[in-house]
Amino acid sequence: MTIFWVVLAVAAVVAEMLTGTLYLLVVGLGAGLGAVASGLDAGVVVQCLVAAIVVVGGSLLVSRFRKPAPGEMAPDLQGSAEVVAVADAGKLRVRWRGTEWDARADDVLAPGEAVTVVRQQGNLLHVARHA
């Protein structure tokens, strides 16, 4: 059974190197500790419990520490948008990812102008003119 855990741990770590999510690293760590439990002649149930506790606990820690700070956008949310309408005091409507959003900008912008999404605060996008 030790070989199974070692192969699983190595496969998870290799997959982690290809994806960069940190969750597969946690799975690799859990499988590695499952291998250690197997090497200590623990039963299969104990091995699985050790691996499961490490994976669940580690995944909770990773998700807690990988959350963006308030007002900070996750990297996959940034991108280009187009100004659809302009109101007063920097209020805008922009088309971003096929949907219209309320937005704010420090610059004076015109309809049809391309902008960059800087951050998201709730349902409000903060945008800036393309540099």
N, C-alpha and C. Protein backbone atom coordinates (compact mmCIF):
# COMPACT_ATOMS: atom_id res chain seq x y z
N MET A 1 0.82 -1.19 0.00
CA MET A 1 0.00 0.00 0.00
C MET A 1 0.86 1.26 0.00
N THR A 2 2.08 1.15 0.52
CA THR A 2 2.97 2.30 0.57
C THR A 2 3.28 2.81 -0.83
N ILE A 3 3.47 1.90 -1.77
CA ILE A 3 3.77 2.28 -3.16
C ILE A 3 2.63 3.11 -3.74
N PHE A 4 1.40 2.72 -3.46
CA PHE A 4 0.24 3.47 -3.95
C PHE A 4 0.29 4.91 -3.48
N TRP A 5 0.55 5.11 -2.18
CA TRP A 5 0.58 6.46 -1.62
C TRP A 5 1.73 7.28 -2.21
N VAL A 6 2.88 6.65 -2.39
CA VAL A 6 4.03 7.36 -2.96
C VAL A 6 3.76 7.78 -4.40
N VAL A 7 3.20 6.87 -5.19
CA VAL A 7 2.87 7.20 -6.58
C VAL A 7 1.84 8.33 -6.62
N LEU A 8 0.82 8.26 -5.77
CA LEU A 8 -0.19 9.32 -5.71
C LEU A 8 0.44 10.66 -5.32
N ALA A 9 1.33 10.64 -4.34
CA ALA A 9 1.99 11.87 -3.89
C ALA A 9 2.83 12.48 -5.01
N VAL A 10 3.61 11.67 -5.69
CA VAL A 10 4.46 12.17 -6.78
C VAL A 10 3.60 12.70 -7.92
N ALA A 11 2.54 11.98 -8.27
CA ALA A 11 1.65 12.43 -9.36
C ALA A 11 0.99 13.77 -9.00
N ALA A 12 0.57 13.92 -7.77
CA ALA A 12 -0.08 15.18 -7.35
C ALA A 12 0.92 16.34 -7.38
N VAL A 13 2.14 16.11 -6.94
CA VAL A 13 3.14 17.18 -6.94
C VAL A 13 3.53 17.55 -8.37
N VAL A 14 3.65 16.58 -9.25
CA VAL A 14 3.95 16.87 -10.66
C VAL A 14 2.79 17.66 -11.28
N ALA A 15 1.56 17.25 -11.02
CA ALA A 15 0.40 17.98 -11.53
C ALA A 15 0.36 19.40 -10.96
N GLU A 16 0.76 19.56 -9.71
CA GLU A 16 0.81 20.89 -9.10
C GLU A 16 1.80 21.79 -9.83
N MET A 17 2.91 21.22 -10.22
CA MET A 17 3.92 22.00 -10.94
C MET A 17 3.38 22.49 -12.29
N LEU A 18 2.44 21.78 -12.85
CA LEU A 18 1.86 22.17 -14.13
C LEU A 18 0.73 23.17 -13.98
N THR A 19 0.07 23.20 -12.82
CA THR A 19 -1.09 24.07 -12.65
C THR A 19 -0.84 25.26 -11.74
N GLY A 20 -0.10 25.11 -10.68
CA GLY A 20 0.19 26.21 -9.77
C GLY A 20 -0.96 26.63 -8.88
N THR A 21 -1.82 25.71 -8.48
CA THR A 21 -2.97 26.07 -7.66
C THR A 21 -2.74 25.91 -6.16
N LEU A 22 -1.76 25.18 -5.76
CA LEU A 22 -1.42 24.82 -4.38
C LEU A 22 -2.30 23.72 -3.80
N TYR A 23 -3.48 23.51 -4.36
CA TYR A 23 -4.35 22.46 -3.82
C TYR A 23 -3.77 21.07 -4.09
N LEU A 24 -3.19 20.87 -5.25
CA LEU A 24 -2.60 19.57 -5.54
C LEU A 24 -1.36 19.31 -4.69
N LEU A 25 -0.69 20.38 -4.27
CA LEU A 25 0.43 20.21 -3.35
C LEU A 25 -0.08 19.67 -2.01
N VAL A 26 -1.23 20.15 -1.59
CA VAL A 26 -1.85 19.66 -0.36
C VAL A 26 -2.22 18.18 -0.51
N VAL A 27 -2.75 17.82 -1.67
CA VAL A 27 -3.07 16.40 -1.93
C VAL A 27 -1.80 15.57 -1.89
N GLY A 28 -0.72 16.08 -2.49
CA GLY A 28 0.56 15.37 -2.45
C GLY A 28 1.07 15.20 -1.03
N LEU A 29 0.92 16.23 -0.21
CA LEU A 29 1.33 16.14 1.19
C LEU A 29 0.49 15.11 1.93
N GLY A 30 -0.82 15.13 1.71
CA GLY A 30 -1.70 14.14 2.34
C GLY A 30 -1.34 12.72 1.94
N ALA A 31 -1.07 12.53 0.65
CA ALA A 31 -0.68 11.19 0.18
C ALA A 31 0.68 10.79 0.76
N GLY A 32 1.58 11.74 0.88
CA GLY A 32 2.89 11.44 1.48
C GLY A 32 2.75 11.01 2.93
N LEU A 33 1.87 11.68 3.68
CA LEU A 33 1.66 11.27 5.06
C LEU A 33 0.89 9.96 5.15
N GLY A 34 0.06 9.70 4.14
CA GLY A 34 -0.57 8.38 4.06
C GLY A 34 0.47 7.29 3.86
N ALA A 35 1.51 7.59 3.07
CA ALA A 35 2.61 6.63 2.86
C ALA A 35 3.38 6.41 4.16
N VAL A 36 3.58 7.49 4.91
CA VAL A 36 4.27 7.35 6.20
C VAL A 36 3.45 6.47 7.14
N ALA A 37 2.14 6.69 7.19
CA ALA A 37 1.27 5.85 8.03
C ALA A 37 1.32 4.40 7.58
N SER A 38 1.38 4.19 6.26
CA SER A 38 1.47 2.83 5.73
C SER A 38 2.80 2.19 6.13
N GLY A 39 3.87 2.98 6.09
CA GLY A 39 5.19 2.47 6.48
C GLY A 39 5.26 2.12 7.95
N LEU A 40 4.41 2.75 8.75
CA LEU A 40 4.36 2.44 10.18
C LEU A 40 3.37 1.32 10.49
N ASP A 41 2.94 0.61 9.45
CA ASP A 41 2.01 -0.52 9.56
C ASP A 41 0.66 -0.15 10.13
N ALA A 42 0.20 1.06 9.86
CA ALA A 42 -1.16 1.45 10.26
C ALA A 42 -2.14 0.81 9.29
N GLY A 43 -3.35 0.60 9.73
CA GLY A 43 -4.37 0.01 8.87
C GLY A 43 -4.76 0.96 7.74
N VAL A 44 -5.45 0.41 6.75
CA VAL A 44 -5.86 1.20 5.59
C VAL A 44 -6.79 2.33 6.00
N VAL A 45 -7.66 2.07 6.95
CA VAL A 45 -8.59 3.11 7.41
C VAL A 45 -7.81 4.26 8.04
N VAL A 46 -6.81 3.97 8.85
CA VAL A 46 -6.00 5.01 9.48
C VAL A 46 -5.23 5.79 8.42
N GLN A 47 -4.68 5.09 7.43
CA GLN A 47 -3.96 5.75 6.34
C GLN A 47 -4.86 6.74 5.62
N CYS A 48 -6.06 6.29 5.29
CA CYS A 48 -7.01 7.15 4.58
C CYS A 48 -7.45 8.33 5.44
N LEU A 49 -7.65 8.10 6.73
CA LEU A 49 -8.02 9.19 7.64
C LEU A 49 -6.91 10.23 7.74
N VAL A 50 -5.67 9.78 7.85
CA VAL A 50 -4.53 10.71 7.91
C VAL A 50 -4.49 11.56 6.64
N ALA A 51 -4.59 10.90 5.49
CA ALA A 51 -4.55 11.62 4.22
C ALA A 51 -5.74 12.59 4.10
N ALA A 52 -6.91 12.14 4.48
CA ALA A 52 -8.11 12.98 4.36
C ALA A 52 -8.03 14.20 5.28
N ILE A 53 -7.58 14.02 6.50
CA ILE A 53 -7.48 15.14 7.44
C ILE A 53 -6.48 16.18 6.93
N VAL A 54 -5.35 15.71 6.42
CA VAL A 54 -4.34 16.64 5.89
C VAL A 54 -4.88 17.38 4.67
N VAL A 55 -5.56 16.67 3.76
CA VAL A 55 -6.07 17.30 2.54
C VAL A 55 -7.16 18.32 2.87
N VAL A 56 -8.09 17.96 3.73
CA VAL A 56 -9.18 18.89 4.07
C VAL A 56 -8.62 20.10 4.83
N GLY A 57 -7.81 19.85 5.83
CA GLY A 57 -7.23 20.96 6.60
C GLY A 57 -6.34 21.86 5.75
N GLY A 58 -5.51 21.25 4.93
CA GLY A 58 -4.63 22.03 4.07
C GLY A 58 -5.40 22.82 3.03
N SER A 59 -6.46 22.24 2.48
CA SER A 59 -7.27 22.96 1.49
C SER A 59 -7.96 24.16 2.12
N LEU A 60 -8.43 24.01 3.35
CA LEU A 60 -9.04 25.15 4.04
C LEU A 60 -8.02 26.26 4.28
N LEU A 61 -6.81 25.89 4.65
CA LEU A 61 -5.76 26.89 4.85
C LEU A 61 -5.40 27.59 3.55
N VAL A 62 -5.25 26.83 2.49
CA VAL A 62 -4.91 27.43 1.19
C VAL A 62 -6.01 28.38 0.74
N SER A 63 -7.26 27.96 0.85
CA SER A 63 -8.35 28.84 0.41
C SER A 63 -8.44 30.09 1.27
N ARG A 64 -8.11 29.97 2.53
CA ARG A 64 -8.15 31.15 3.41
C ARG A 64 -7.07 32.16 3.06
N PHE A 65 -5.88 31.69 2.78
CA PHE A 65 -4.77 32.60 2.52
C PHE A 65 -4.68 33.04 1.07
N ARG A 66 -5.42 32.44 0.17
CA ARG A 66 -5.38 32.83 -1.24
C ARG A 66 -6.50 33.78 -1.61
N LYS A 67 -7.38 34.13 -0.70
CA LYS A 67 -8.46 35.06 -1.00
C LYS A 67 -7.87 36.44 -1.26
N PRO A 68 -8.40 37.14 -2.27
CA PRO A 68 -7.93 38.51 -2.47
C PRO A 68 -8.37 39.41 -1.32
N ALA A 69 -7.57 40.39 -1.02
CA ALA A 69 -7.91 41.35 0.04
C ALA A 69 -9.11 42.17 -0.42
N PRO A 70 -9.90 42.73 0.50
CA PRO A 70 -11.03 43.56 0.10
C PRO A 70 -10.57 44.70 -0.81
N GLY A 71 -11.29 44.86 -1.92
CA GLY A 71 -10.94 45.89 -2.88
C GLY A 71 -9.91 45.44 -3.90
N GLU A 72 -9.33 44.28 -3.71
CA GLU A 72 -8.33 43.76 -4.64
C GLU A 72 -8.98 42.71 -5.51
N MET A 73 -8.67 42.71 -6.78
CA MET A 73 -9.29 41.76 -7.70
C MET A 73 -8.47 40.50 -7.82
N ALA A 74 -9.14 39.41 -8.02
CA ALA A 74 -8.45 38.18 -8.36
C ALA A 74 -7.84 38.38 -9.75
N PRO A 75 -6.68 37.77 -10.03
CA PRO A 75 -6.01 38.01 -11.31
C PRO A 75 -6.86 37.68 -12.53
N ASP A 76 -7.78 36.73 -12.42
CA ASP A 76 -8.58 36.38 -13.60
C ASP A 76 -9.70 37.37 -13.88
N LEU A 77 -9.91 38.36 -13.02
CA LEU A 77 -10.98 39.32 -13.23
C LEU A 77 -10.52 40.56 -13.99
N GLN A 78 -9.23 40.79 -14.09
CA GLN A 78 -8.75 41.98 -14.76
C GLN A 78 -8.90 41.83 -16.27
N GLY A 79 -9.01 42.95 -16.97
CA GLY A 79 -9.11 42.89 -18.41
C GLY A 79 -9.57 44.20 -18.99
N SER A 80 -9.87 44.17 -20.28
CA SER A 80 -10.30 45.36 -21.00
C SER A 80 -11.81 45.46 -21.03
N ALA A 81 -12.29 46.70 -21.07
CA ALA A 81 -13.72 46.97 -21.15
C ALA A 81 -13.91 48.14 -22.11
N GLU A 82 -15.16 48.39 -22.48
CA GLU A 82 -15.49 49.50 -23.36
C GLU A 82 -16.53 50.38 -22.69
N VAL A 83 -16.31 51.69 -22.73
CA VAL A 83 -17.25 52.63 -22.14
C VAL A 83 -18.50 52.68 -23.01
N VAL A 84 -19.67 52.44 -22.39
CA VAL A 84 -20.94 52.46 -23.10
C VAL A 84 -21.64 53.80 -22.91
N ALA A 85 -21.64 54.31 -21.69
CA ALA A 85 -22.32 55.58 -21.39
C ALA A 85 -21.56 56.30 -20.29
N VAL A 86 -21.66 57.63 -20.31
CA VAL A 86 -20.98 58.46 -19.32
C VAL A 86 -22.02 59.30 -18.60
N ALA A 87 -21.95 59.30 -17.27
CA ALA A 87 -22.80 60.17 -16.45
C ALA A 87 -21.89 61.19 -15.78
N ASP A 88 -22.44 61.95 -14.86
CA ASP A 88 -21.63 62.96 -14.19
C ASP A 88 -20.79 62.35 -13.06
N ALA A 89 -19.82 63.10 -12.60
CA ALA A 89 -18.97 62.74 -11.45
C ALA A 89 -18.23 61.43 -11.64
N GLY A 90 -17.82 61.13 -12.86
CA GLY A 90 -17.01 59.94 -13.11
C GLY A 90 -17.77 58.63 -13.12
N LYS A 91 -19.11 58.69 -13.13
CA LYS A 91 -19.90 57.46 -13.19
C LYS A 91 -20.01 57.02 -14.65
N LEU A 92 -19.84 55.73 -14.86
CA LEU A 92 -19.85 55.18 -16.22
C LEU A 92 -20.68 53.91 -16.28
N ARG A 93 -21.02 53.51 -17.49
CA ARG A 93 -21.49 52.16 -17.78
C ARG A 93 -20.47 51.60 -18.75
N VAL A 94 -19.94 50.41 -18.44
CA VAL A 94 -18.96 49.79 -19.33
C VAL A 94 -19.43 48.39 -19.71
N ARG A 95 -19.01 47.95 -20.87
CA ARG A 95 -19.29 46.57 -21.30
C ARG A 95 -18.02 45.77 -21.04
N TRP A 96 -18.16 44.78 -20.16
CA TRP A 96 -17.03 43.95 -19.77
C TRP A 96 -17.49 42.51 -19.77
N ARG A 97 -16.82 41.68 -20.53
CA ARG A 97 -17.15 40.25 -20.66
C ARG A 97 -18.60 40.04 -21.08
N GLY A 98 -19.08 40.88 -22.00
CA GLY A 98 -20.41 40.70 -22.57
C GLY A 98 -21.55 41.23 -21.74
N THR A 99 -21.26 41.89 -20.62
CA THR A 99 -22.30 42.40 -19.73
C THR A 99 -21.99 43.85 -19.39
N GLU A 100 -23.03 44.65 -19.20
CA GLU A 100 -22.82 46.04 -18.79
C GLU A 100 -22.70 46.14 -17.27
N TRP A 101 -21.76 46.96 -16.83
CA TRP A 101 -21.46 47.14 -15.41
C TRP A 101 -21.44 48.64 -15.09
N ASP A 102 -21.75 48.97 -13.85
CA ASP A 102 -21.51 50.32 -13.35
C ASP A 102 -20.02 50.44 -13.08
N ALA A 103 -19.48 51.62 -13.37
CA ALA A 103 -18.04 51.80 -13.18
C ALA A 103 -17.74 53.23 -12.75
N ARG A 104 -16.55 53.41 -12.23
CA ARG A 104 -16.04 54.73 -11.87
C ARG A 104 -14.65 54.86 -12.47
N ALA A 105 -14.31 56.10 -12.80
CA ALA A 105 -12.98 56.38 -13.34
C ALA A 105 -12.51 57.73 -12.85
N ASP A 106 -11.22 57.87 -12.66
CA ASP A 106 -10.64 59.16 -12.29
C ASP A 106 -10.49 60.05 -13.51
N ASP A 107 -10.34 59.44 -14.69
CA ASP A 107 -10.16 60.17 -15.93
C ASP A 107 -11.51 60.54 -16.53
N VAL A 108 -11.52 61.55 -17.39
CA VAL A 108 -12.71 61.89 -18.17
C VAL A 108 -12.68 61.00 -19.41
N LEU A 109 -13.71 60.19 -19.56
CA LEU A 109 -13.76 59.22 -20.66
C LEU A 109 -14.96 59.47 -21.54
N ALA A 110 -14.89 58.98 -22.77
CA ALA A 110 -15.97 59.15 -23.73
C ALA A 110 -16.54 57.79 -24.11
N PRO A 111 -17.81 57.74 -24.51
CA PRO A 111 -18.38 56.47 -24.96
C PRO A 111 -17.58 55.89 -26.12
N GLY A 112 -17.42 54.58 -26.09
CA GLY A 112 -16.65 53.90 -27.13
C GLY A 112 -15.18 53.76 -26.81
N GLU A 113 -14.72 54.43 -25.76
CA GLU A 113 -13.30 54.39 -25.40
C GLU A 113 -12.97 53.08 -24.68
N ALA A 114 -11.81 52.53 -24.98
CA ALA A 114 -11.35 51.30 -24.33
C ALA A 114 -10.69 51.64 -23.01
N VAL A 115 -11.01 50.87 -21.98
CA VAL A 115 -10.47 51.09 -20.65
C VAL A 115 -9.97 49.77 -20.07
N THR A 116 -9.19 49.87 -19.02
CA THR A 116 -8.70 48.69 -18.31
C THR A 116 -9.39 48.61 -16.96
N VAL A 117 -9.87 47.42 -16.62
CA VAL A 117 -10.47 47.21 -15.30
C VAL A 117 -9.34 47.12 -14.29
N VAL A 118 -9.35 48.03 -13.32
CA VAL A 118 -8.29 48.10 -12.32
C VAL A 118 -8.62 47.24 -11.10
N ARG A 119 -9.86 47.36 -10.63
CA ARG A 119 -10.30 46.55 -9.49
C ARG A 119 -11.81 46.50 -9.46
N GLN A 120 -12.32 45.63 -8.63
CA GLN A 120 -13.76 45.47 -8.48
C GLN A 120 -14.11 45.65 -7.01
N GLN A 121 -15.15 46.42 -6.76
CA GLN A 121 -15.64 46.64 -5.39
C GLN A 121 -17.12 46.32 -5.42
N GLY A 122 -17.48 45.11 -5.00
CA GLY A 122 -18.86 44.66 -5.11
C GLY A 122 -19.25 44.57 -6.58
N ASN A 123 -20.32 45.28 -6.96
CA ASN A 123 -20.76 45.28 -8.36
C ASN A 123 -20.27 46.51 -9.12
N LEU A 124 -19.32 47.23 -8.55
CA LEU A 124 -18.78 48.43 -9.17
C LEU A 124 -17.36 48.17 -9.64
N LEU A 125 -17.10 48.46 -10.91
CA LEU A 125 -15.75 48.32 -11.45
C LEU A 125 -15.05 49.67 -11.38
N HIS A 126 -13.77 49.64 -11.10
CA HIS A 126 -12.93 50.83 -11.17
C HIS A 126 -12.07 50.66 -12.41
N VAL A 127 -12.15 51.64 -13.32
CA VAL A 127 -11.47 51.52 -14.60
C VAL A 127 -10.54 52.71 -14.80
N ALA A 128 -9.59 52.53 -15.72
CA ALA A 128 -8.66 53.58 -16.08
C ALA A 128 -8.43 53.52 -17.58
N ARG A 129 -8.08 54.63 -18.16
CA ARG A 129 -7.78 54.70 -19.59
C ARG A 129 -6.59 53.80 -19.90
N HIS A 130 -6.64 53.12 -21.06
CA HIS A 130 -5.50 52.29 -21.47
C HIS A 130 -4.24 53.15 -21.52
N ALA A 131 -3.16 52.61 -20.99
CA ALA A 131 -1.89 53.37 -20.99
C ALA A 131 -1.19 53.26 -22.32
